[in-house]
Amino acid sequence: MEYLYPDNLKAKATLWLWELRDIGIIAIGLLISVFAFSQTGLLLPIVITAVYAFLSIRFEDVSILDFIKYAMAFFFLKPQNYEWRSANE
Protein backbone atom coordinates (compact mmCIF):
# COMPACT_ATOMS: atom_id res chain seq x y z
CA MET A 1 0.00 0.00 0.00
CA GLU A 2 1.38 3.41 -0.94
CA TYR A 3 0.59 6.72 0.71
CA LEU A 4 1.19 10.17 -0.72
CA TYR A 5 2.20 12.86 1.74
CA PRO A 6 2.09 16.55 0.79
CA ASP A 7 5.52 18.22 0.72
CA ASN A 8 7.20 15.44 2.73
CA LEU A 9 5.15 16.35 5.81
CA LYS A 10 6.83 19.77 5.94
CA ALA A 11 3.84 21.78 4.71
CA LYS A 12 1.78 23.71 7.22
CA ALA A 13 -1.63 22.30 8.09
CA THR A 14 -4.33 24.07 6.10
CA LEU A 15 -8.09 23.88 5.87
CA TRP A 16 -9.69 25.42 2.79
CA LEU A 17 -7.83 28.71 2.26
CA TRP A 18 -6.48 29.28 5.78
CA GLU A 19 -3.85 27.75 8.03
CA LEU A 20 -5.28 25.99 11.06
CA ARG A 21 -3.83 28.68 13.35
CA ASP A 22 -5.77 31.34 11.42
CA ILE A 23 -8.99 29.31 11.60
CA GLY A 24 -8.60 29.11 15.38
CA ILE A 25 -8.06 32.87 15.64
CA ILE A 26 -11.06 33.53 13.39
CA ALA A 27 -13.27 31.17 15.42
CA ILE A 28 -12.28 32.80 18.73
CA GLY A 29 -12.76 36.24 17.17
CA LEU A 30 -16.22 35.29 15.97
CA LEU A 31 -17.21 34.01 19.42
CA ILE A 32 -16.02 37.22 21.06
CA SER A 33 -17.66 39.29 18.31
CA VAL A 34 -21.05 37.59 18.68
CA PHE A 35 -20.88 37.95 22.46
CA ALA A 36 -19.95 41.65 22.18
CA PHE A 37 -22.72 42.26 19.65
CA SER A 38 -25.35 40.54 21.78
CA GLN A 39 -24.35 42.47 24.90
CA THR A 40 -23.49 45.93 23.52
CA GLY A 41 -24.70 46.02 19.92
CA LEU A 42 -21.22 46.89 18.60
CA LEU A 43 -20.38 45.69 15.09
CA LEU A 44 -16.70 46.69 15.23
CA PRO A 45 -15.41 43.31 16.53
CA ILE A 46 -17.25 41.47 13.74
CA VAL A 47 -15.75 43.83 11.15
CA ILE A 48 -12.24 43.37 12.57
CA THR A 49 -12.66 39.58 12.53
CA ALA A 50 -13.94 39.66 8.93
CA VAL A 51 -11.02 41.84 7.81
CA TYR A 52 -8.55 39.47 9.51
CA ALA A 53 -10.24 36.49 7.85
CA PHE A 54 -9.95 38.16 4.44
CA LEU A 55 -6.32 39.22 4.90
CA SER A 56 -5.23 35.78 6.14
CA ILE A 57 -6.49 33.88 3.07
CA ARG A 58 -3.53 31.99 1.58
CA PHE A 59 -2.82 31.08 -2.03
CA GLU A 60 0.32 29.00 -2.61
CA ASP A 61 1.80 29.91 0.79
CA VAL A 62 1.33 33.69 0.35
CA SER A 63 -1.44 35.47 2.23
CA ILE A 64 -3.30 38.49 0.92
CA LEU A 65 -1.65 40.59 3.65
CA ASP A 66 1.80 39.41 2.49
CA PHE A 67 0.90 40.34 -1.10
CA ILE A 68 -0.20 43.83 -0.02
CA LYS A 69 3.07 44.26 1.94
CA TYR A 70 5.13 43.19 -1.09
CA ALA A 71 3.19 45.54 -3.38
CA MET A 72 3.61 48.50 -0.99
CA ALA A 73 7.33 47.83 -0.72
CA PHE A 74 7.72 47.56 -4.48
CA PHE A 75 5.69 50.64 -5.43
CA PHE A 76 6.28 53.02 -2.52
CA LEU A 77 8.84 52.01 0.11
CA LYS A 78 11.89 50.68 -1.74
CA PRO A 79 13.39 52.83 -4.48
CA GLN A 80 13.61 51.29 -7.94
CA ASN A 81 16.64 51.92 -10.12
CA TYR A 82 16.30 51.81 -13.88
CA GLU A 83 19.14 52.09 -16.37
CA TRP A 84 18.70 52.57 -20.10
CA ARG A 85 21.51 51.82 -22.50
CA SER A 86 21.66 51.77 -26.22
CA ALA A 87 22.27 48.51 -28.05
CA ASN A 88 25.70 49.75 -29.26
CA GLU A 89 27.27 49.91 -25.80
PDB file of N, CA and C in Angstrom:
ATOM      1  N   MET A   1       0.843  -1.165   0.000  1.00  0.00           N
ATOM      2  CA  MET A   1       0.000   0.000   0.000  1.00  0.00           C
ATOM      3  C   MET A   1       0.897   1.240   0.000  1.00  0.00           C
ATOM      4  N   GLU A   2       0.556   2.206  -0.806  1.00  0.00           N
ATOM      5  CA  GLU A   2       1.384   3.406  -0.938  1.00  0.00           C
ATOM      6  C   GLU A   2       0.579   4.637  -0.527  1.00  0.00           C
ATOM      7  N   TYR A   3       1.226   5.497   0.256  1.00  0.00           N
ATOM      8  CA  TYR A   3       0.586   6.723   0.710  1.00  0.00           C
ATOM      9  C   TYR A   3       1.327   7.908   0.130  1.00  0.00           C
ATOM     10  N   LEU A   4       0.598   8.936  -0.220  1.00  0.00           N
ATOM     11  CA  LEU A   4       1.195  10.169  -0.724  1.00  0.00           C
ATOM     12  C   LEU A   4       1.073  11.245   0.342  1.00  0.00           C
ATOM     13  N   TYR A   5       2.185  11.814   0.733  1.00  0.00           N
ATOM     14  CA  TYR A   5       2.200  12.861   1.744  1.00  0.00           C
ATOM     15  C   TYR A   5       2.525  14.190   1.084  1.00  0.00           C
ATOM     16  N   PRO A   6       1.806  15.246   1.408  1.00  0.00           N
ATOM     17  CA  PRO A   6       2.091  16.552   0.790  1.00  0.00           C
ATOM     18  C   PRO A   6       3.394  17.144   1.311  1.00  0.00           C
ATOM     19  N   ASP A   7       4.277  17.517   0.413  1.00  0.00           N
ATOM     20  CA  ASP A   7       5.524  18.219   0.724  1.00  0.00           C
ATOM     21  C   ASP A   7       6.341  17.522   1.808  1.00  0.00           C
ATOM     22  N   ASN A   8       6.388  16.193   1.770  1.00  0.00           N
ATOM     23  CA  ASN A   8       7.201  15.445   2.727  1.00  0.00           C
ATOM     24  C   ASN A   8       6.866  15.782   4.177  1.00  0.00           C
ATOM     25  N   LEU A   9       5.629  16.012   4.461  1.00  0.00           N
ATOM     26  CA  LEU A   9       5.148  16.350   5.806  1.00  0.00           C
ATOM     27  C   LEU A   9       5.736  17.644   6.354  1.00  0.00           C
ATOM     28  N   LYS A  10       6.265  18.498   5.493  1.00  0.00           N
ATOM     29  CA  LYS A  10       6.830  19.768   5.944  1.00  0.00           C
ATOM     30  C   LYS A  10       5.890  20.936   5.686  1.00  0.00           C
ATOM     31  N   ALA A  11       4.800  20.704   4.999  1.00  0.00           N
ATOM     32  CA  ALA A  11       3.844  21.776   4.714  1.00  0.00           C
ATOM     33  C   ALA A  11       3.027  22.085   5.964  1.00  0.00           C
ATOM     34  N   LYS A  12       2.612  23.332   6.083  1.00  0.00           N
ATOM     35  CA  LYS A  12       1.777  23.713   7.216  1.00  0.00           C
ATOM     36  C   LYS A  12       0.368  23.161   7.024  1.00  0.00           C
ATOM     37  N   ALA A  13      -0.277  22.839   8.144  1.00  0.00           N
ATOM     38  CA  ALA A  13      -1.628  22.296   8.094  1.00  0.00           C
ATOM     39  C   ALA A  13      -2.601  23.386   7.653  1.00  0.00           C
ATOM     40  N   THR A  14      -3.374  23.093   6.628  1.00  0.00           N
ATOM     41  CA  THR A  14      -4.327  24.067   6.103  1.00  0.00           C
ATOM     42  C   THR A  14      -5.713  23.440   6.015  1.00  0.00           C
ATOM     43  N   LEU A  15      -6.708  24.291   6.056  1.00  0.00           N
ATOM     44  CA  LEU A  15      -8.091  23.877   5.866  1.00  0.00           C
ATOM     45  C   LEU A  15      -8.729  24.932   4.989  1.00  0.00           C
ATOM     46  N   TRP A  16      -9.180  24.536   3.828  1.00  0.00           N
ATOM     47  CA  TRP A  16      -9.692  25.422   2.793  1.00  0.00           C
ATOM     48  C   TRP A  16      -8.620  26.428   2.400  1.00  0.00           C
ATOM     49  N   LEU A  17      -8.796  27.696   2.689  1.00  0.00           N
ATOM     50  CA  LEU A  17      -7.833  28.712   2.258  1.00  0.00           C
ATOM     51  C   LEU A  17      -7.026  29.297   3.410  1.00  0.00           C
ATOM     52  N   TRP A  18      -7.159  28.737   4.611  1.00  0.00           N
ATOM     53  CA  TRP A  18      -6.477  29.278   5.779  1.00  0.00           C
ATOM     54  C   TRP A  18      -5.612  28.212   6.432  1.00  0.00           C
ATOM     55  N   GLU A  19      -4.586  28.669   7.166  1.00  0.00           N
ATOM     56  CA  GLU A  19      -3.849  27.755   8.027  1.00  0.00           C
ATOM     57  C   GLU A  19      -4.715  27.474   9.242  1.00  0.00           C
ATOM     58  N   LEU A  20      -4.460  26.364   9.907  1.00  0.00           N
ATOM     59  CA  LEU A  20      -5.280  25.995  11.062  1.00  0.00           C
ATOM     60  C   LEU A  20      -5.168  27.011  12.189  1.00  0.00           C
ATOM     61  N   ARG A  21      -4.005  27.640  12.335  1.00  0.00           N
ATOM     62  CA  ARG A  21      -3.833  28.685  13.353  1.00  0.00           C
ATOM     63  C   ARG A  21      -4.785  29.849  13.059  1.00  0.00           C
ATOM     64  N   ASP A  22      -4.884  30.240  11.798  1.00  0.00           N
ATOM     65  CA  ASP A  22      -5.772  31.338  11.423  1.00  0.00           C
ATOM     66  C   ASP A  22      -7.236  30.973  11.642  1.00  0.00           C
ATOM     67  N   ILE A  23      -7.602  29.738  11.376  1.00  0.00           N
ATOM     68  CA  ILE A  23      -8.989  29.312  11.600  1.00  0.00           C
ATOM     69  C   ILE A  23      -9.322  29.374  13.087  1.00  0.00           C
ATOM     70  N   GLY A  24      -8.379  29.005  13.936  1.00  0.00           N
ATOM     71  CA  GLY A  24      -8.597  29.109  15.379  1.00  0.00           C
ATOM     72  C   GLY A  24      -8.778  30.546  15.823  1.00  0.00           C
ATOM     73  N   ILE A  25      -7.944  31.447  15.298  1.00  0.00           N
ATOM     74  CA  ILE A  25      -8.055  32.867  15.637  1.00  0.00           C
ATOM     75  C   ILE A  25      -9.387  33.429  15.147  1.00  0.00           C
ATOM     76  N   ILE A  26      -9.781  33.051  13.940  1.00  0.00           N
ATOM     77  CA  ILE A  26     -11.057  33.535  13.386  1.00  0.00           C
ATOM     78  C   ILE A  26     -12.226  33.011  14.218  1.00  0.00           C
ATOM     79  N   ALA A  27     -12.175  31.738  14.621  1.00  0.00           N
ATOM     80  CA  ALA A  27     -13.265  31.166  15.425  1.00  0.00           C
ATOM     81  C   ALA A  27     -13.382  31.867  16.777  1.00  0.00           C
ATOM     82  N   ILE A  28     -12.251  32.094  17.443  1.00  0.00           N
ATOM     83  CA  ILE A  28     -12.284  32.804  18.730  1.00  0.00           C
ATOM     84  C   ILE A  28     -12.764  34.231  18.537  1.00  0.00           C
ATOM     85  N   GLY A  29     -12.298  34.879  17.463  1.00  0.00           N
ATOM     86  CA  GLY A  29     -12.757  36.241  17.171  1.00  0.00           C
ATOM     87  C   GLY A  29     -14.243  36.306  16.915  1.00  0.00           C
ATOM     88  N   LEU A  30     -14.776  35.309  16.213  1.00  0.00           N
ATOM     89  CA  LEU A  30     -16.222  35.288  15.966  1.00  0.00           C
ATOM     90  C   LEU A  30     -17.010  35.080  17.258  1.00  0.00           C
ATOM     91  N   LEU A  31     -16.522  34.211  18.134  1.00  0.00           N
ATOM     92  CA  LEU A  31     -17.210  34.006  19.417  1.00  0.00           C
ATOM     93  C   LEU A  31     -17.232  35.298  20.238  1.00  0.00           C
ATOM     94  N   ILE A  32     -16.090  35.952  20.328  1.00  0.00           N
ATOM     95  CA  ILE A  32     -16.016  37.215  21.064  1.00  0.00           C
ATOM     96  C   ILE A  32     -16.885  38.276  20.390  1.00  0.00           C
ATOM     97  N   SER A  33     -16.876  38.302  19.049  1.00  0.00           N
ATOM     98  CA  SER A  33     -17.662  39.293  18.312  1.00  0.00           C
ATOM     99  C   SER A  33     -19.159  39.104  18.523  1.00  0.00           C
ATOM    100  N   VAL A  34     -19.620  37.861  18.473  1.00  0.00           N
ATOM    101  CA  VAL A  34     -21.049  37.592  18.678  1.00  0.00           C
ATOM    102  C   VAL A  34     -21.448  37.939  20.111  1.00  0.00           C
ATOM    103  N   PHE A  35     -20.592  37.605  21.064  1.00  0.00           N
ATOM    104  CA  PHE A  35     -20.883  37.954  22.458  1.00  0.00           C
ATOM    105  C   PHE A  35     -20.933  39.473  22.637  1.00  0.00           C
ATOM    106  N   ALA A  36     -19.969  40.191  22.062  1.00  0.00           N
ATOM    107  CA  ALA A  36     -19.947  41.653  22.176  1.00  0.00           C
ATOM    108  C   ALA A  36     -21.162  42.271  21.496  1.00  0.00           C
ATOM    109  N   PHE A  37     -21.557  41.717  20.345  1.00  0.00           N
ATOM    110  CA  PHE A  37     -22.722  42.260  19.646  1.00  0.00           C
ATOM    111  C   PHE A  37     -24.003  42.011  20.434  1.00  0.00           C
ATOM    112  N   SER A  38     -24.116  40.838  21.035  1.00  0.00           N
ATOM    113  CA  SER A  38     -25.347  40.542  21.775  1.00  0.00           C
ATOM    114  C   SER A  38     -25.451  41.365  23.062  1.00  0.00           C
ATOM    115  N   GLN A  39     -24.322  41.721  23.650  1.00  0.00           N
ATOM    116  CA  GLN A  39     -24.346  42.473  24.899  1.00  0.00           C
ATOM    117  C   GLN A  39     -24.372  43.982  24.690  1.00  0.00           C
ATOM    118  N   THR A  40     -23.621  44.474  23.681  1.00  0.00           N
ATOM    119  CA  THR A  40     -23.488  45.926  23.515  1.00  0.00           C
ATOM    120  C   THR A  40     -24.028  46.452  22.192  1.00  0.00           C
ATOM    121  N   GLY A  41     -24.220  45.574  21.214  1.00  0.00           N
ATOM    122  CA  GLY A  41     -24.700  46.023  19.915  1.00  0.00           C
ATOM    123  C   GLY A  41     -23.596  46.577  19.015  1.00  0.00           C
ATOM    124  N   LEU A  42     -22.339  46.394  19.402  1.00  0.00           N
ATOM    125  CA  LEU A  42     -21.222  46.895  18.602  1.00  0.00           C
ATOM    126  C   LEU A  42     -20.906  45.942  17.449  1.00  0.00           C
ATOM    127  N   LEU A  43     -20.745  46.490  16.254  1.00  0.00           N
ATOM    128  CA  LEU A  43     -20.377  45.690  15.094  1.00  0.00           C
ATOM    129  C   LEU A  43     -18.876  45.700  14.823  1.00  0.00           C
ATOM    130  N   LEU A  44     -18.126  46.554  15.497  1.00  0.00           N
ATOM    131  CA  LEU A  44     -16.696  46.688  15.233  1.00  0.00           C
ATOM    132  C   LEU A  44     -15.933  45.373  15.406  1.00  0.00           C
ATOM    133  N   PRO A  45     -16.151  44.576  16.435  1.00  0.00           N
ATOM    134  CA  PRO A  45     -15.413  43.306  16.533  1.00  0.00           C
ATOM    135  C   PRO A  45     -15.691  42.352  15.367  1.00  0.00           C
ATOM    136  N   ILE A  46     -16.925  42.331  14.882  1.00  0.00           N
ATOM    137  CA  ILE A  46     -17.249  41.473  13.737  1.00  0.00           C
ATOM    138  C   ILE A  46     -16.523  41.961  12.493  1.00  0.00           C
ATOM    139  N   VAL A  47     -16.453  43.265  12.307  1.00  0.00           N
ATOM    140  CA  VAL A  47     -15.751  43.830  11.152  1.00  0.00           C
ATOM    141  C   VAL A  47     -14.263  43.519  11.229  1.00  0.00           C
ATOM    142  N   ILE A  48     -13.674  43.659  12.407  1.00  0.00           N
ATOM    143  CA  ILE A  48     -12.244  43.368  12.568  1.00  0.00           C
ATOM    144  C   ILE A  48     -11.973  41.895  12.287  1.00  0.00           C
ATOM    145  N   THR A  49     -12.832  41.011  12.775  1.00  0.00           N
ATOM    146  CA  THR A  49     -12.663  39.580  12.529  1.00  0.00           C
ATOM    147  C   THR A  49     -12.803  39.266  11.047  1.00  0.00           C
ATOM    148  N   ALA A  50     -13.756  39.889  10.366  1.00  0.00           N
ATOM    149  CA  ALA A  50     -13.943  39.658   8.929  1.00  0.00           C
ATOM    150  C   ALA A  50     -12.741  40.163   8.127  1.00  0.00           C
ATOM    151  N   VAL A  51     -12.197  41.312   8.502  1.00  0.00           N
ATOM    152  CA  VAL A  51     -11.016  41.844   7.815  1.00  0.00           C
ATOM    153  C   VAL A  51      -9.827  40.916   8.025  1.00  0.00           C
ATOM    154  N   TYR A  52      -9.643  40.423   9.254  1.00  0.00           N
ATOM    155  CA  TYR A  52      -8.554  39.473   9.513  1.00  0.00           C
ATOM    156  C   TYR A  52      -8.742  38.199   8.688  1.00  0.00           C
ATOM    157  N   ALA A  53      -9.979  37.703   8.623  1.00  0.00           N
ATOM    158  CA  ALA A  53     -10.245  36.486   7.852  1.00  0.00           C
ATOM    159  C   ALA A  53      -9.914  36.708   6.380  1.00  0.00           C
ATOM    160  N   PHE A  54     -10.249  37.866   5.848  1.00  0.00           N
ATOM    161  CA  PHE A  54      -9.952  38.155   4.442  1.00  0.00           C
ATOM    162  C   PHE A  54      -8.449  38.272   4.212  1.00  0.00           C
ATOM    163  N   LEU A  55      -7.746  38.994   5.091  1.00  0.00           N
ATOM    164  CA  LEU A  55      -6.316  39.220   4.896  1.00  0.00           C
ATOM    165  C   LEU A  55      -5.477  37.968   5.150  1.00  0.00           C
ATOM    166  N   SER A  56      -6.010  36.984   5.857  1.00  0.00           N
ATOM    167  CA  SER A  56      -5.234  35.780   6.142  1.00  0.00           C
ATOM    168  C   SER A  56      -5.492  34.654   5.147  1.00  0.00           C
ATOM    169  N   ILE A  57      -6.292  34.892   4.112  1.00  0.00           N
ATOM    170  CA  ILE A  57      -6.488  33.884   3.066  1.00  0.00           C
ATOM    171  C   ILE A  57      -5.151  33.624   2.388  1.00  0.00           C
ATOM    172  N   ARG A  58      -4.824  32.357   2.173  1.00  0.00           N
ATOM    173  CA  ARG A  58      -3.529  31.994   1.582  1.00  0.00           C
ATOM    174  C   ARG A  58      -3.719  31.301   0.241  1.00  0.00           C
ATOM    175  N   PHE A  59      -2.922  31.737  -0.737  1.00  0.00           N
ATOM    176  CA  PHE A  59      -2.819  31.083  -2.032  1.00  0.00           C
ATOM    177  C   PHE A  59      -1.354  30.746  -2.240  1.00  0.00           C
ATOM    178  N   GLU A  60      -1.044  29.470  -2.373  1.00  0.00           N
ATOM    179  CA  GLU A  60       0.325  29.005  -2.611  1.00  0.00           C
ATOM    180  C   GLU A  60       1.303  29.589  -1.598  1.00  0.00           C
ATOM    181  N   ASP A  61       0.968  29.501  -0.334  1.00  0.00           N
ATOM    182  CA  ASP A  61       1.804  29.913   0.793  1.00  0.00           C
ATOM    183  C   ASP A  61       2.057  31.415   0.871  1.00  0.00           C
ATOM    184  N   VAL A  62       1.234  32.234   0.239  1.00  0.00           N
ATOM    185  CA  VAL A  62       1.328  33.693   0.351  1.00  0.00           C
ATOM    186  C   VAL A  62      -0.062  34.209   0.707  1.00  0.00           C
ATOM    187  N   SER A  63      -0.141  34.930   1.828  1.00  0.00           N
ATOM    188  CA  SER A  63      -1.438  35.473   2.226  1.00  0.00           C
ATOM    189  C   SER A  63      -1.704  36.786   1.499  1.00  0.00           C
ATOM    190  N   ILE A  64      -2.935  37.222   1.547  1.00  0.00           N
ATOM    191  CA  ILE A  64      -3.297  38.493   0.920  1.00  0.00           C
ATOM    192  C   ILE A  64      -2.571  39.638   1.611  1.00  0.00           C
ATOM    193  N   LEU A  65      -2.394  39.563   2.923  1.00  0.00           N
ATOM    194  CA  LEU A  65      -1.650  40.594   3.645  1.00  0.00           C
ATOM    195  C   LEU A  65      -0.190  40.625   3.190  1.00  0.00           C
ATOM    196  N   ASP A  66       0.422  39.457   2.994  1.00  0.00           N
ATOM    197  CA  ASP A  66       1.800  39.412   2.487  1.00  0.00           C
ATOM    198  C   ASP A  66       1.887  40.061   1.105  1.00  0.00           C
ATOM    199  N   PHE A  67       0.919  39.760   0.237  1.00  0.00           N
ATOM    200  CA  PHE A  67       0.905  40.337  -1.102  1.00  0.00           C
ATOM    201  C   PHE A  67       0.795  41.860  -1.041  1.00  0.00           C
ATOM    202  N   ILE A  68      -0.059  42.379  -0.159  1.00  0.00           N
ATOM    203  CA  ILE A  68      -0.195  43.831  -0.016  1.00  0.00           C
ATOM    204  C   ILE A  68       1.105  44.438   0.491  1.00  0.00           C
ATOM    205  N   LYS A  69       1.772  43.772   1.445  1.00  0.00           N
ATOM    206  CA  LYS A  69       3.069  44.257   1.938  1.00  0.00           C
ATOM    207  C   LYS A  69       4.103  44.297   0.818  1.00  0.00           C
ATOM    208  N   TYR A  70       4.174  43.230   0.011  1.00  0.00           N
ATOM    209  CA  TYR A  70       5.132  43.190  -1.094  1.00  0.00           C
ATOM    210  C   TYR A  70       4.834  44.284  -2.117  1.00  0.00           C
ATOM    211  N   ALA A  71       3.556  44.504  -2.408  1.00  0.00           N
ATOM    212  CA  ALA A  71       3.191  45.538  -3.377  1.00  0.00           C
ATOM    213  C   ALA A  71       3.526  46.929  -2.850  1.00  0.00           C
ATOM    214  N   MET A  72       3.264  47.193  -1.572  1.00  0.00           N
ATOM    215  CA  MET A  72       3.612  48.501  -0.993  1.00  0.00           C
ATOM    216  C   MET A  72       5.117  48.719  -1.015  1.00  0.00           C
ATOM    217  N   ALA A  73       5.870  47.694  -0.695  1.00  0.00           N
ATOM    218  CA  ALA A  73       7.326  47.830  -0.716  1.00  0.00           C
ATOM    219  C   ALA A  73       7.820  48.079  -2.127  1.00  0.00           C
ATOM    220  N   PHE A  74       7.268  47.394  -3.106  1.00  0.00           N
ATOM    221  CA  PHE A  74       7.715  47.558  -4.485  1.00  0.00           C
ATOM    222  C   PHE A  74       7.365  48.932  -5.032  1.00  0.00           C
ATOM    223  N   PHE A  75       6.138  49.389  -4.809  1.00  0.00           N
ATOM    224  CA  PHE A  75       5.693  50.641  -5.429  1.00  0.00           C
ATOM    225  C   PHE A  75       6.051  51.885  -4.630  1.00  0.00           C
ATOM    226  N   PHE A  76       6.138  51.802  -3.311  1.00  0.00           N
ATOM    227  CA  PHE A  76       6.282  53.024  -2.520  1.00  0.00           C
ATOM    228  C   PHE A  76       7.493  53.067  -1.591  1.00  0.00           C
ATOM    229  N   LEU A  77       7.863  51.967  -0.967  1.00  0.00           N
ATOM    230  CA  LEU A  77       8.836  52.014   0.113  1.00  0.00           C
ATOM    231  C   LEU A  77      10.284  51.806  -0.332  1.00  0.00           C
ATOM    232  N   LYS A  78      10.524  50.946  -1.288  1.00  0.00           N
ATOM    233  CA  LYS A  78      11.886  50.679  -1.741  1.00  0.00           C
ATOM    234  C   LYS A  78      12.103  51.350  -3.093  1.00  0.00           C
ATOM    235  N   PRO A  79      13.149  52.149  -3.205  1.00  0.00           N
ATOM    236  CA  PRO A  79      13.386  52.825  -4.485  1.00  0.00           C
ATOM    237  C   PRO A  79      13.762  51.825  -5.578  1.00  0.00           C
ATOM    238  N   GLN A  80      13.300  52.112  -6.780  1.00  0.00           N
ATOM    239  CA  GLN A  80      13.606  51.286  -7.936  1.00  0.00           C
ATOM    240  C   GLN A  80      14.622  52.023  -8.797  1.00  0.00           C
ATOM    241  N   ASN A  81      15.635  51.334  -9.257  1.00  0.00           N
ATOM    242  CA  ASN A  81      16.644  51.923 -10.123  1.00  0.00           C
ATOM    243  C   ASN A  81      16.499  51.345 -11.522  1.00  0.00           C
ATOM    244  N   TYR A  82      16.422  52.236 -12.491  1.00  0.00           N
ATOM    245  CA  TYR A  82      16.304  51.815 -13.883  1.00  0.00           C
ATOM    246  C   TYR A  82      17.454  52.415 -14.671  1.00  0.00           C
ATOM    247  N   GLU A  83      18.057  51.616 -15.525  1.00  0.00           N
ATOM    248  CA  GLU A  83      19.135  52.090 -16.372  1.00  0.00           C
ATOM    249  C   GLU A  83      18.789  51.766 -17.812  1.00  0.00           C
ATOM    250  N   TRP A  84      18.929  52.779 -18.685  1.00  0.00           N
ATOM    251  CA  TRP A  84      18.700  52.572 -20.096  1.00  0.00           C
ATOM    252  C   TRP A  84      20.036  52.699 -20.810  1.00  0.00           C
ATOM    253  N   ARG A  85      20.298  51.794 -21.707  1.00  0.00           N
ATOM    254  CA  ARG A  85      21.506  51.816 -22.505  1.00  0.00           C
ATOM    255  C   ARG A  85      21.133  51.530 -23.948  1.00  0.00           C
ATOM    256  N   SER A  86      21.919  52.071 -24.820  1.00  0.00           N
ATOM    257  CA  SER A  86      21.664  51.774 -26.216  1.00  0.00           C
ATOM    258  C   SER A  86      22.248  50.408 -26.567  1.00  0.00           C
ATOM    259  N   ALA A  87      21.826  49.840 -27.663  1.00  0.00           N
ATOM    260  CA  ALA A  87      22.269  48.512 -28.049  1.00  0.00           C
ATOM    261  C   ALA A  87      23.727  48.508 -28.481  1.00  0.00           C
ATOM    262  N   ASN A  88      24.310  49.672 -28.801  1.00  0.00           N
ATOM    263  CA  ASN A  88      25.696  49.752 -29.262  1.00  0.00           C
ATOM    264  C   ASN A  88      26.710  49.652 -28.126  1.00  0.00           C
ATOM    265  N   GLU A  89      26.308  49.892 -26.921  1.00  0.00           N
ATOM    266  CA  GLU A  89      27.268  49.914 -25.797  1.00  0.00           C
ATOM    267  C   GLU A  89      27.607  48.547 -25.312  1.00  0.00           C
TER     268      GLU A  89
END
